Amino acid sequence: ILAEPLFVLDLDNNKFKNIEKLSKKITKNGKQIKLADFKAEF
């Protein structure tokens, strides 16, 4: 649990921008689709 918010600091320290914590899954066309933890720009 703690690894993820602390990892946000690593991303920020390494100049990643627009960091977003994603939901574990989204629903598309009635189907649940698993996602990664984050998206970010570099």
PDB file of all heavy atoms in Angstrom:
ATOM      1  N   ILE A   1       0.827  -1.202   0.000  1.00  0.00           N
ATOM      2  CA  ILE A   1       0.000   0.000   0.000  1.00  0.00           C
ATOM      3  C   ILE A   1       0.870   1.264   0.000  1.00  0.00           C
ATOM      4  O   ILE A   1       0.622   2.205  -0.758  1.00  0.00           O
ATOM      5  CB  ILE A   1      -0.938   0.008   1.230  1.00  0.00           C
ATOM      6  CG1 ILE A   1      -1.962  -1.137   1.139  1.00  0.00           C
ATOM      7  CG2 ILE A   1      -1.654   1.352   1.359  1.00  0.00           C
ATOM      8  CD1 ILE A   1      -2.959  -1.014   0.021  1.00  0.00           C
ATOM      9  N   LEU A   2       1.905   1.278   0.820  1.00  0.00           N
ATOM     10  CA  LEU A   2       2.750   2.461   0.924  1.00  0.00           C
ATOM     11  C   LEU A   2       3.671   2.637  -0.284  1.00  0.00           C
ATOM     12  O   LEU A   2       4.072   3.760  -0.606  1.00  0.00           O
ATOM     13  CB  LEU A   2       3.602   2.399   2.198  1.00  0.00           C
ATOM     14  CG  LEU A   2       2.875   2.726   3.497  1.00  0.00           C
ATOM     15  CD1 LEU A   2       3.809   2.526   4.686  1.00  0.00           C
ATOM     16  CD2 LEU A   2       2.348   4.152   3.484  1.00  0.00           C
ATOM     17  N   ALA A   3       4.004   1.539  -0.944  1.00  0.00           N
ATOM     18  CA  ALA A   3       4.943   1.621  -2.070  1.00  0.00           C
ATOM     19  C   ALA A   3       4.442   2.561  -3.166  1.00  0.00           C
ATOM     20  O   ALA A   3       5.234   3.305  -3.752  1.00  0.00           O
ATOM     21  CB  ALA A   3       5.188   0.223  -2.643  1.00  0.00           C
ATOM     22  N   GLU A   4       3.145   2.532  -3.434  1.00  0.00           N
ATOM     23  CA  GLU A   4       2.616   3.326  -4.555  1.00  0.00           C
ATOM     24  C   GLU A   4       2.693   4.841  -4.323  1.00  0.00           C
ATOM     25  O   GLU A   4       3.228   5.563  -5.175  1.00  0.00           O
ATOM     26  CB  GLU A   4       1.195   2.877  -4.901  1.00  0.00           C
ATOM     27  CG  GLU A   4       1.171   1.496  -5.533  1.00  0.00           C
ATOM     28  CD  GLU A   4      -0.188   1.118  -6.081  1.00  0.00           C
ATOM     29  OE1 GLU A   4      -1.143   1.916  -5.932  1.00  0.00           O
ATOM     30  OE2 GLU A   4      -0.311   0.037  -6.673  1.00  0.00           O
ATOM     31  N   PRO A   5       2.176   5.375  -3.210  1.00  0.00           N
ATOM     32  CA  PRO A   5       2.320   6.829  -3.032  1.00  0.00           C
ATOM     33  C   PRO A   5       3.778   7.264  -2.902  1.00  0.00           C
ATOM     34  O   PRO A   5       4.145   8.359  -3.353  1.00  0.00           O
ATOM     35  CB  PRO A   5       1.526   7.125  -1.755  1.00  0.00           C
ATOM     36  CG  PRO A   5       1.322   5.812  -1.085  1.00  0.00           C
ATOM     37  CD  PRO A   5       1.328   4.774  -2.168  1.00  0.00           C
ATOM     38  N   LEU A   6       4.627   6.428  -2.321  1.00  0.00           N
ATOM     39  CA  LEU A   6       6.044   6.785  -2.221  1.00  0.00           C
ATOM     40  C   LEU A   6       6.702   6.751  -3.598  1.00  0.00           C
ATOM     41  O   LEU A   6       7.628   7.528  -3.883  1.00  0.00           O
ATOM     42  CB  LEU A   6       6.755   5.846  -1.246  1.00  0.00           C
ATOM     43  CG  LEU A   6       6.279   5.931   0.211  1.00  0.00           C
ATOM     44  CD1 LEU A   6       7.051   4.955   1.090  1.00  0.00           C
ATOM     45  CD2 LEU A   6       6.397   7.354   0.757  1.00  0.00           C
ATOM     46  N   PHE A   7       6.225   5.872  -4.465  1.00  0.00           N
ATOM     47  CA  PHE A   7       6.736   5.813  -5.834  1.00  0.00           C
ATOM     48  C   PHE A   7       6.396   7.077  -6.613  1.00  0.00           C
ATOM     49  O   PHE A   7       7.145   7.492  -7.505  1.00  0.00           O
ATOM     50  CB  PHE A   7       6.163   4.570  -6.532  1.00  0.00           C
ATOM     51  CG  PHE A   7       6.666   4.358  -7.928  1.00  0.00           C
ATOM     52  CD1 PHE A   7       8.008   4.130  -8.177  1.00  0.00           C
ATOM     53  CD2 PHE A   7       5.791   4.376  -9.001  1.00  0.00           C
ATOM     54  CE1 PHE A   7       8.474   3.930  -9.468  1.00  0.00           C
ATOM     55  CE2 PHE A   7       6.245   4.176 -10.298  1.00  0.00           C
ATOM     56  CZ  PHE A   7       7.591   3.945 -10.533  1.00  0.00           C
ATOM     57  N   VAL A   8       5.270   7.705  -6.275  1.00  0.00           N
ATOM     58  CA  VAL A   8       4.899   8.973  -6.908  1.00  0.00           C
ATOM     59  C   VAL A   8       6.017  10.005  -6.693  1.00  0.00           C
ATOM     60  O   VAL A   8       6.349  10.780  -7.595  1.00  0.00           O
ATOM     61  CB  VAL A   8       3.562   9.495  -6.331  1.00  0.00           C
ATOM     62  CG1 VAL A   8       3.294  10.937  -6.774  1.00  0.00           C
ATOM     63  CG2 VAL A   8       2.415   8.596  -6.763  1.00  0.00           C
ATOM     64  N   LEU A   9       6.623   9.990  -5.516  1.00  0.00           N
ATOM     65  CA  LEU A   9       7.721  10.908  -5.233  1.00  0.00           C
ATOM     66  C   LEU A   9       8.925  10.606  -6.120  1.00  0.00           C
ATOM     67  O   LEU A   9       9.601  11.527  -6.596  1.00  0.00           O
ATOM     68  CB  LEU A   9       8.134  10.814  -3.761  1.00  0.00           C
ATOM     69  CG  LEU A   9       7.043  11.066  -2.718  1.00  0.00           C
ATOM     70  CD1 LEU A   9       7.643  11.045  -1.323  1.00  0.00           C
ATOM     71  CD2 LEU A   9       6.342  12.377  -2.961  1.00  0.00           C
ATOM     72  N   ASP A  10       9.193   9.323  -6.354  1.00  0.00           N
ATOM     73  CA  ASP A  10      10.297   8.944  -7.250  1.00  0.00           C
ATOM     74  C   ASP A  10      10.038   9.452  -8.665  1.00  0.00           C
ATOM     75  O   ASP A  10      10.943   9.960  -9.333  1.00  0.00           O
ATOM     76  CB  ASP A  10      10.473   7.426  -7.279  1.00  0.00           C
ATOM     77  CG  ASP A  10      11.013   6.877  -5.968  1.00  0.00           C
ATOM     78  OD1 ASP A  10      11.759   7.606  -5.291  1.00  0.00           O
ATOM     79  OD2 ASP A  10      10.690   5.731  -5.632  1.00  0.00           O
ATOM     80  N   LEU A  11       8.814   9.283  -9.140  1.00  0.00           N
ATOM     81  CA  LEU A  11       8.474   9.765 -10.476  1.00  0.00           C
ATOM     82  C   LEU A  11       8.673  11.280 -10.563  1.00  0.00           C
ATOM     83  O   LEU A  11       9.261  11.797 -11.517  1.00  0.00           O
ATOM     84  CB  LEU A  11       7.026   9.400 -10.822  1.00  0.00           C
ATOM     85  CG  LEU A  11       6.730   7.918 -11.057  1.00  0.00           C
ATOM     86  CD1 LEU A  11       5.224   7.704 -11.206  1.00  0.00           C
ATOM     87  CD2 LEU A  11       7.472   7.390 -12.269  1.00  0.00           C
ATOM     88  N   ASP A  12       8.181  11.987  -9.570  1.00  0.00           N
ATOM     89  CA  ASP A  12       8.305  13.442  -9.563  1.00  0.00           C
ATOM     90  C   ASP A  12       9.775  13.864  -9.489  1.00  0.00           C
ATOM     91  O   ASP A  12      10.206  14.780 -10.204  1.00  0.00           O
ATOM     92  CB  ASP A  12       7.529  14.016  -8.374  1.00  0.00           C
ATOM     93  CG  ASP A  12       7.539  15.535  -8.344  1.00  0.00           C
ATOM     94  OD1 ASP A  12       6.938  16.151  -9.239  1.00  0.00           O
ATOM     95  OD2 ASP A  12       8.168  16.106  -7.426  1.00  0.00           O
ATOM     96  N   ASN A  13      10.547  13.192  -8.649  1.00  0.00           N
ATOM     97  CA  ASN A  13      11.971  13.515  -8.518  1.00  0.00           C
ATOM     98  C   ASN A  13      12.742  13.263  -9.809  1.00  0.00           C
ATOM     99  O   ASN A  13      13.791  13.866 -10.043  1.00  0.00           O
ATOM    100  CB  ASN A  13      12.603  12.710  -7.384  1.00  0.00           C
ATOM    101  CG  ASN A  13      12.140  13.165  -6.013  1.00  0.00           C
ATOM    102  OD1 ASN A  13      11.684  14.295  -5.848  1.00  0.00           O
ATOM    103  ND2 ASN A  13      12.231  12.291  -5.029  1.00  0.00           N
ATOM    104  N   ASN A  14      12.224  12.365 -10.638  1.00  0.00           N
ATOM    105  CA  ASN A  14      12.882  12.038 -11.903  1.00  0.00           C
ATOM    106  C   ASN A  14      12.238  12.749 -13.093  1.00  0.00           C
ATOM    107  O   ASN A  14      12.340  12.302 -14.229  1.00  0.00           O
ATOM    108  CB  ASN A  14      12.891  10.519 -12.115  1.00  0.00           C
ATOM    109  CG  ASN A  14      13.939   9.835 -11.252  1.00  0.00           C
ATOM    110  OD1 ASN A  14      15.128   9.866 -11.553  1.00  0.00           O
ATOM    111  ND2 ASN A  14      13.497   9.236 -10.151  1.00  0.00           N
ATOM    112  N   LYS A  15      11.550  13.869 -12.781  1.00  0.00           N
ATOM    113  CA  LYS A  15      11.041  14.791 -13.803  1.00  0.00           C
ATOM    114  C   LYS A  15       9.860  14.262 -14.618  1.00  0.00           C
ATOM    115  O   LYS A  15       9.604  14.731 -15.725  1.00  0.00           O
ATOM    116  CB  LYS A  15      12.159  15.223 -14.773  1.00  0.00           C
ATOM    117  CG  LYS A  15      13.436  15.684 -14.104  1.00  0.00           C
ATOM    118  CD  LYS A  15      13.205  16.871 -13.190  1.00  0.00           C
ATOM    119  CE  LYS A  15      14.529  17.345 -12.565  1.00  0.00           C
ATOM    120  NZ  LYS A  15      14.312  18.384 -11.532  1.00  0.00           N
ATOM    121  N   PHE A  16       9.129  13.271 -14.096  1.00  0.00           N
ATOM    122  CA  PHE A  16       7.884  12.869 -14.738  1.00  0.00           C
ATOM    123  C   PHE A  16       6.825  13.918 -14.425  1.00  0.00           C
ATOM    124  O   PHE A  16       6.808  14.495 -13.328  1.00  0.00           O
ATOM    125  CB  PHE A  16       7.427  11.490 -14.242  1.00  0.00           C
ATOM    126  CG  PHE A  16       8.110  10.341 -14.909  1.00  0.00           C
ATOM    127  CD1 PHE A  16       9.388   9.940 -14.506  1.00  0.00           C
ATOM    128  CD2 PHE A  16       7.506   9.649 -15.946  1.00  0.00           C
ATOM    129  CE1 PHE A  16      10.029   8.880 -15.127  1.00  0.00           C
ATOM    130  CE2 PHE A  16       8.136   8.587 -16.569  1.00  0.00           C
ATOM    131  CZ  PHE A  16       9.410   8.202 -16.159  1.00  0.00           C
ATOM    132  N   LYS A  17       5.936  14.144 -15.369  1.00  0.00           N
ATOM    133  CA  LYS A  17       4.890  15.149 -15.225  1.00  0.00           C
ATOM    134  C   LYS A  17       3.517  14.501 -15.400  1.00  0.00           C
ATOM    135  O   LYS A  17       3.397  13.391 -15.925  1.00  0.00           O
ATOM    136  CB  LYS A  17       5.058  16.253 -16.284  1.00  0.00           C
ATOM    137  CG  LYS A  17       6.425  16.924 -16.291  1.00  0.00           C
ATOM    138  CD  LYS A  17       6.681  17.684 -15.002  1.00  0.00           C
ATOM    139  CE  LYS A  17       8.032  18.382 -15.040  1.00  0.00           C
ATOM    140  NZ  LYS A  17       8.364  19.013 -13.751  1.00  0.00           N
ATOM    141  N   ASN A  18       2.482  15.227 -14.997  1.00  0.00           N
ATOM    142  CA  ASN A  18       1.087  14.755 -15.157  1.00  0.00           C
ATOM    143  C   ASN A  18       0.919  13.312 -14.679  1.00  0.00           C
ATOM    144  O   ASN A  18       0.337  12.471 -15.362  1.00  0.00           O
ATOM    145  CB  ASN A  18       0.649  14.892 -16.617  1.00  0.00           C
ATOM    146  CG  ASN A  18       0.686  16.337 -17.087  1.00  0.00           C
ATOM    147  OD1 ASN A  18       0.275  17.235 -16.374  1.00  0.00           O
ATOM    148  ND2 ASN A  18       1.198  16.564 -18.288  1.00  0.00           N
ATOM    149  N   ILE A  19       1.430  13.052 -13.505  1.00  0.00           N
ATOM    150  CA  ILE A  19       1.333  11.718 -12.909  1.00  0.00           C
ATOM    151  C   ILE A  19      -0.098  11.491 -12.441  1.00  0.00           C
ATOM    152  O   ILE A  19      -0.687  12.345 -11.780  1.00  0.00           O
ATOM    153  CB  ILE A  19       2.300  11.590 -11.714  1.00  0.00           C
ATOM    154  CG1 ILE A  19       3.735  11.922 -12.149  1.00  0.00           C
ATOM    155  CG2 ILE A  19       2.228  10.195 -11.108  1.00  0.00           C
ATOM    156  CD1 ILE A  19       4.673  12.224 -10.992  1.00  0.00           C
ATOM    157  N   GLU A  20      -0.651  10.347 -12.785  1.00  0.00           N
ATOM    158  CA  GLU A  20      -2.031  10.036 -12.380  1.00  0.00           C
ATOM    159  C   GLU A  20      -2.110   8.601 -11.878  1.00  0.00           C
ATOM    160  O   GLU A  20      -1.657   7.670 -12.538  1.00  0.00           O
ATOM    161  CB  GLU A  20      -2.992  10.225 -13.542  1.00  0.00           C
ATOM    162  CG  GLU A  20      -4.454   9.973 -13.165  1.00  0.00           C
ATOM    163  CD  GLU A  20      -5.414  10.182 -14.314  1.00  0.00           C
ATOM    164  OE1 GLU A  20      -5.036  10.833 -15.311  1.00  0.00           O
ATOM    165  OE2 GLU A  20      -6.552   9.668 -14.231  1.00  0.00           O
ATOM    166  N   LYS A  21      -2.684   8.439 -10.688  1.00  0.00           N
ATOM    167  CA  LYS A  21      -2.958   7.108 -10.150  1.00  0.00           C
ATOM    168  C   LYS A  21      -4.258   6.618 -10.776  1.00  0.00           C
ATOM    169  O   LYS A  21      -5.300   7.267 -10.668  1.00  0.00           O
ATOM    170  CB  LYS A  21      -3.086   7.186  -8.627  1.00  0.00           C
ATOM    171  CG  LYS A  21      -3.633   5.927  -7.970  1.00  0.00           C
ATOM    172  CD  LYS A  21      -2.664   4.778  -8.054  1.00  0.00           C
ATOM    173  CE  LYS A  21      -3.212   3.586  -7.258  1.00  0.00           C
ATOM    174  NZ  LYS A  21      -3.184   2.339  -8.028  1.00  0.00           N
ATOM    175  N   LEU A  22      -4.193   5.480 -11.457  1.00  0.00           N
ATOM    176  CA  LEU A  22      -5.356   4.961 -12.177  1.00  0.00           C
ATOM    177  C   LEU A  22      -6.176   4.010 -11.316  1.00  0.00           C
ATOM    178  O   LEU A  22      -5.659   3.406 -10.373  1.00  0.00           O
ATOM    179  CB  LEU A  22      -4.899   4.237 -13.445  1.00  0.00           C
ATOM    180  CG  LEU A  22      -4.093   5.075 -14.439  1.00  0.00           C
ATOM    181  CD1 LEU A  22      -3.595   4.207 -15.584  1.00  0.00           C
ATOM    182  CD2 LEU A  22      -4.930   6.233 -14.975  1.00  0.00           C
ATOM    183  N   SER A  23      -7.441   3.864 -11.673  1.00  0.00           N
ATOM    184  CA  SER A  23      -8.273   2.827 -11.048  1.00  0.00           C
ATOM    185  C   SER A  23      -7.752   1.464 -11.468  1.00  0.00           C
ATOM    186  O   SER A  23      -7.092   1.324 -12.503  1.00  0.00           O
ATOM    187  CB  SER A  23      -9.734   2.986 -11.494  1.00  0.00           C
ATOM    188  OG  SER A  23     -10.226   4.252 -11.138  1.00  0.00           O
ATOM    189  N   LYS A  24      -8.037   0.451 -10.657  1.00  0.00           N
ATOM    190  CA  LYS A  24      -7.539  -0.887 -10.977  1.00  0.00           C
ATOM    191  C   LYS A  24      -8.134  -1.430 -12.273  1.00  0.00           C
ATOM    192  O   LYS A  24      -7.519  -2.210 -12.972  1.00  0.00           O
ATOM    193  CB  LYS A  24      -7.841  -1.847  -9.825  1.00  0.00           C
ATOM    194  CG  LYS A  24      -7.013  -1.551  -8.576  1.00  0.00           C
ATOM    195  CD  LYS A  24      -7.178  -2.634  -7.559  1.00  0.00           C
ATOM    196  CE  LYS A  24      -6.322  -2.369  -6.338  1.00  0.00           C
ATOM    197  NZ  LYS A  24      -4.892  -2.344  -6.634  1.00  0.00           N
ATOM    198  N   LYS A  25      -9.353  -0.996 -12.577  1.00  0.00           N
ATOM    199  CA  LYS A  25      -9.986  -1.453 -13.815  1.00  0.00           C
ATOM    200  C   LYS A  25     -11.060  -0.468 -14.240  1.00  0.00           C
ATOM    201  O   LYS A  25     -11.564   0.321 -13.429  1.00  0.00           O
ATOM    202  CB  LYS A  25     -10.560  -2.857 -13.659  1.00  0.00           C
ATOM    203  CG  LYS A  25     -11.424  -3.074 -12.448  1.00  0.00           C
ATOM    204  CD  LYS A  25     -11.636  -4.546 -12.199  1.00  0.00           C
ATOM    205  CE  LYS A  25     -12.188  -4.814 -10.817  1.00  0.00           C
ATOM    206  NZ  LYS A  25     -12.262  -6.216 -10.492  1.00  0.00           N
ATOM    207  N   ILE A  26     -11.399  -0.526 -15.503  1.00  0.00           N
ATOM    208  CA  ILE A  26     -12.498   0.270 -16.034  1.00  0.00           C
ATOM    209  C   ILE A  26     -13.472  -0.673 -16.741  1.00  0.00           C
ATOM    210  O   ILE A  26     -13.104  -1.807 -17.089  1.00  0.00           O
ATOM    211  CB  ILE A  26     -12.003   1.354 -17.021  1.00  0.00           C
ATOM    212  CG1 ILE A  26     -11.217   0.710 -18.178  1.00  0.00           C
ATOM    213  CG2 ILE A  26     -11.171   2.401 -16.317  1.00  0.00           C
ATOM    214  CD1 ILE A  26     -10.819   1.698 -19.259  1.00  0.00           C
ATOM    215  N   THR A  27     -14.679  -0.201 -16.945  1.00  0.00           N
ATOM    216  CA  THR A  27     -15.670  -1.012 -17.651  1.00  0.00           C
ATOM    217  C   THR A  27     -15.866  -0.447 -19.057  1.00  0.00           C
ATOM    218  O   THR A  27     -16.142   0.744 -19.221  1.00  0.00           O
ATOM    219  CB  THR A  27     -17.006  -1.013 -16.899  1.00  0.00           C
ATOM    220  OG1 THR A  27     -16.792  -1.525 -15.579  1.00  0.00           O
ATOM    221  CG2 THR A  27     -18.030  -1.887 -17.613  1.00  0.00           C
ATOM    222  N   LYS A  28     -15.684  -1.297 -20.039  1.00  0.00           N
ATOM    223  CA  LYS A  28     -15.824  -0.887 -21.446  1.00  0.00           C
ATOM    224  C   LYS A  28     -16.700  -1.915 -22.149  1.00  0.00           C
ATOM    225  O   LYS A  28     -16.404  -3.106 -22.159  1.00  0.00           O
ATOM    226  CB  LYS A  28     -14.446  -0.832 -22.095  1.00  0.00           C
ATOM    227  CG  LYS A  28     -14.384  -0.039 -23.377  1.00  0.00           C
ATOM    228  CD  LYS A  28     -14.308   1.459 -23.103  1.00  0.00           C
ATOM    229  CE  LYS A  28     -14.047   2.216 -24.396  1.00  0.00           C
ATOM    230  NZ  LYS A  28     -14.032   3.650 -24.189  1.00  0.00           N
ATOM    231  N   ASN A  29     -17.814  -1.446 -22.731  1.00  0.00           N
ATOM    232  CA  ASN A  29     -18.745  -2.345 -23.421  1.00  0.00           C
ATOM    233  C   ASN A  29     -19.177  -3.511 -22.531  1.00  0.00           C
ATOM    234  O   ASN A  29     -19.251  -4.658 -22.966  1.00  0.00           O
ATOM    235  CB  ASN A  29     -18.118  -2.875 -24.716  1.00  0.00           C
ATOM    236  CG  ASN A  29     -17.781  -1.761 -25.685  1.00  0.00           C
ATOM    237  OD1 ASN A  29     -18.507  -0.773 -25.785  1.00  0.00           O
ATOM    238  ND2 ASN A  29     -16.683  -1.911 -26.403  1.00  0.00           N
ATOM    239  N   GLY A  30     -19.438  -3.205 -21.259  1.00  0.00           N
ATOM    240  CA  GLY A  30     -19.906  -4.213 -20.317  1.00  0.00           C
ATOM    241  C   GLY A  30     -18.830  -5.170 -19.824  1.00  0.00           C
ATOM    242  O   GLY A  30     -19.121  -6.103 -19.082  1.00  0.00           O
ATOM    243  N   LYS A  31     -17.581  -4.932 -20.204  1.00  0.00           N
ATOM    244  CA  LYS A  31     -16.483  -5.809 -19.805  1.00  0.00           C
ATOM    245  C   LYS A  31     -15.498  -5.050 -18.934  1.00  0.00           C
ATOM    246  O   LYS A  31     -15.149  -3.906 -19.220  1.00  0.00           O
ATOM    247  CB  LYS A  31     -15.770  -6.347 -21.052  1.00  0.00           C
ATOM    248  CG  LYS A  31     -14.635  -7.306 -20.754  1.00  0.00           C
ATOM    249  CD  LYS A  31     -13.964  -7.757 -22.042  1.00  0.00           C
ATOM    250  CE  LYS A  31     -12.793  -8.683 -21.741  1.00  0.00           C
ATOM    251  NZ  LYS A  31     -12.068  -9.081 -22.984  1.00  0.00           N
ATOM    252  N   GLN A  32     -15.047  -5.692 -17.850  1.00  0.00           N
ATOM    253  CA  GLN A  32     -14.072  -5.054 -16.973  1.00  0.00           C
ATOM    254  C   GLN A  32     -12.661  -5.255 -17.529  1.00  0.00           C
ATOM    255  O   GLN A  32     -12.262  -6.376 -17.852  1.00  0.00           O
ATOM    256  CB  GLN A  32     -14.162  -5.615 -15.555  1.00  0.00           C
ATOM    257  CG  GLN A  32     -15.416  -5.157 -14.817  1.00  0.00           C
ATOM    258  CD  GLN A  32     -15.356  -5.457 -13.346  1.00  0.00           C
ATOM    259  OE1 GLN A  32     -14.770  -6.438 -12.923  1.00  0.00           O
ATOM    260  NE2 GLN A  32     -15.981  -4.604 -12.542  1.00  0.00           N
ATOM    261  N   ILE A  33     -11.933  -4.155 -17.614  1.00  0.00           N
ATOM    262  CA  ILE A  33     -10.591  -4.192 -18.195  1.00  0.00           C
ATOM    263  C   ILE A  33      -9.588  -3.733 -17.145  1.00  0.00           C
ATOM    264  O   ILE A  33      -9.719  -2.636 -16.583  1.00  0.00           O
ATOM    265  CB  ILE A  33     -10.527  -3.277 -19.437  1.00  0.00           C
ATOM    266  CG1 ILE A  33     -11.502  -3.803 -20.494  1.00  0.00           C
ATOM    267  CG2 ILE A  33      -9.110  -3.203 -19.994  1.00  0.00           C
ATOM    268  CD1 ILE A  33     -11.757  -2.851 -21.622  1.00  0.00           C
ATOM    269  N   LYS A  34      -8.591  -4.567 -16.872  1.00  0.00           N
ATOM    270  CA  LYS A  34      -7.583  -4.272 -15.857  1.00  0.00           C
ATOM    271  C   LYS A  34      -6.577  -3.253 -16.385  1.00  0.00           C
ATOM    272  O   LYS A  34      -6.158  -3.325 -17.537  1.00  0.00           O
ATOM    273  CB  LYS A  34      -6.861  -5.555 -15.439  1.00  0.00           C
ATOM    274  CG  LYS A  34      -7.763  -6.602 -14.808  1.00  0.00           C
ATOM    275  CD  LYS A  34      -6.974  -7.840 -14.430  1.00  0.00           C
ATOM    276  CE  LYS A  34      -7.857  -8.883 -13.755  1.00  0.00           C
ATOM    277  NZ  LYS A  34      -8.806  -9.477 -14.689  1.00  0.00           N
ATOM    278  N   LEU A  35      -6.179  -2.336 -15.495  1.00  0.00           N
ATOM    279  CA  LEU A  35      -5.243  -1.282 -15.865  1.00  0.00           C
ATOM    280  C   LEU A  35      -3.971  -1.347 -15.030  1.00  0.00           C
ATOM    281  O   LEU A  35      -3.928  -2.000 -13.983  1.00  0.00           O
ATOM    282  CB  LEU A  35      -5.893   0.090 -15.664  1.00  0.00           C
ATOM    283  CG  LEU A  35      -7.130   0.410 -16.495  1.00  0.00           C
ATOM    284  CD1 LEU A  35      -7.684   1.767 -16.081  1.00  0.00           C
ATOM    285  CD2 LEU A  35      -6.814   0.387 -17.985  1.00  0.00           C
ATOM    286  N   ALA A  36      -2.951  -0.625 -15.492  1.00  0.00           N
ATOM    287  CA  ALA A  36      -1.719  -0.476 -14.723  1.00  0.00           C
ATOM    288  C   ALA A  36      -1.960   0.520 -13.585  1.00  0.00           C
ATOM    289  O   ALA A  36      -3.025   1.132 -13.493  1.00  0.00           O
ATOM    290  CB  ALA A  36      -0.598   0.008 -15.644  1.00  0.00           C
ATOM    291  N   ASP A  37      -0.964   0.701 -12.742  1.00  0.00           N
ATOM    292  CA  ASP A  37      -1.118   1.568 -11.570  1.00  0.00           C
ATOM    293  C   ASP A  37      -1.139   3.055 -11.910  1.00  0.00           C
ATOM    294  O   ASP A  37      -1.884   3.823 -11.310  1.00  0.00           O
ATOM    295  CB  ASP A  37       0.027   1.309 -10.576  1.00  0.00           C
ATOM    296  CG  ASP A  37      -0.046  -0.076  -9.968  1.00  0.00           C
ATOM    297  OD1 ASP A  37      -1.164  -0.520  -9.651  1.00  0.00           O
ATOM    298  OD2 ASP A  37       1.011  -0.709  -9.800  1.00  0.00           O
ATOM    299  N   PHE A  38      -0.295   3.453 -12.867  1.00  0.00           N
ATOM    300  CA  PHE A  38      -0.135   4.871 -13.157  1.00  0.00           C
ATOM    301  C   PHE A  38      -0.008   5.127 -14.647  1.00  0.00           C
ATOM    302  O   PHE A  38       0.350   4.237 -15.415  1.00  0.00           O
ATOM    303  CB  PHE A  38       1.153   5.427 -12.508  1.00  0.00           C
ATOM    304  CG  PHE A  38       1.227   5.320 -11.032  1.00  0.00           C
ATOM    305  CD1 PHE A  38       1.852   4.240 -10.432  1.00  0.00           C
ATOM    306  CD2 PHE A  38       0.690   6.306 -10.225  1.00  0.00           C
ATOM    307  CE1 PHE A  38       1.941   4.138  -9.054  1.00  0.00           C
ATOM    308  CE2 PHE A  38       0.773   6.226  -8.836  1.00  0.00           C
ATOM    309  CZ  PHE A  38       1.399   5.133  -8.261  1.00  0.00           C
ATOM    310  N   LYS A  39      -0.270   6.375 -15.014  1.00  0.00           N
ATOM    311  CA  LYS A  39       0.216   6.904 -16.280  1.00  0.00           C
ATOM    312  C   LYS A  39       0.916   8.215 -15.952  1.00  0.00           C
ATOM    313  O   LYS A  39       0.549   8.916 -14.994  1.00  0.00           O
ATOM    314  CB  LYS A  39      -0.894   7.103 -17.298  1.00  0.00           C
ATOM    315  CG  LYS A  39      -1.935   8.154 -16.978  1.00  0.00           C
ATOM    316  CD  LYS A  39      -2.971   8.203 -18.094  1.00  0.00           C
ATOM    317  CE  LYS A  39      -4.080   9.214 -17.813  1.00  0.00           C
ATOM    318  NZ  LYS A  39      -3.662  10.590 -17.977  1.00  0.00           N
ATOM    319  N   ALA A  40       1.961   8.513 -16.719  1.00  0.00           N
ATOM    320  CA  ALA A  40       2.732   9.725 -16.469  1.00  0.00           C
ATOM    321  C   ALA A  40       3.488  10.092 -17.731  1.00  0.00           C
ATOM    322  O   ALA A  40       3.688   9.253 -18.618  1.00  0.00           O
ATOM    323  CB  ALA A  40       3.698   9.507 -15.300  1.00  0.00           C
ATOM    324  N   GLU A  41       3.911  11.328 -17.805  1.00  0.00           N
ATOM    325  CA  GLU A  41       4.603  11.812 -19.001  1.00  0.00           C
ATOM    326  C   GLU A  41       6.046  12.184 -18.681  1.00  0.00           C
ATOM    327  O   GLU A  41       6.346  12.712 -17.606  1.00  0.00           O
ATOM    328  CB  GLU A  41       3.864  13.031 -19.560  1.00  0.00           C
ATOM    329  CG  GLU A  41       2.466  12.691 -20.050  1.00  0.00           C
ATOM    330  CD  GLU A  41       1.655  13.907 -20.452  1.00  0.00           C
ATOM    331  OE1 GLU A  41       2.249  15.008 -20.556  1.00  0.00           O
ATOM    332  OE2 GLU A  41       0.436  13.763 -20.652  1.00  0.00           O
ATOM    333  N   PHE A  42       6.921  11.887 -19.649  1.00  0.00           N
ATOM    334  CA  PHE A  42       8.337  12.214 -19.509  1.00  0.00           C
ATOM    335  C   PHE A  42       8.885  12.618 -20.870  1.00  0.00           C
ATOM    336  O   PHE A  42       8.846  11.843 -21.818  1.00  0.00           O
ATOM    337  CB  PHE A  42       9.120  11.008 -18.965  1.00  0.00           C
ATOM    338  CG  PHE A  42      10.587  11.270 -18.773  1.00  0.00           C
ATOM    339  CD1 PHE A  42      11.038  12.019 -17.695  1.00  0.00           C
ATOM    340  CD2 PHE A  42      11.521  10.770 -19.671  1.00  0.00           C
ATOM    341  CE1 PHE A  42      12.392  12.260 -17.516  1.00  0.00           C
ATOM    342  CE2 PHE A  42      12.873  11.009 -19.507  1.00  0.00           C
ATOM    343  CZ  PHE A  42      13.313  11.762 -18.430  1.00  0.00           C
TER     344      PHE A  42
END
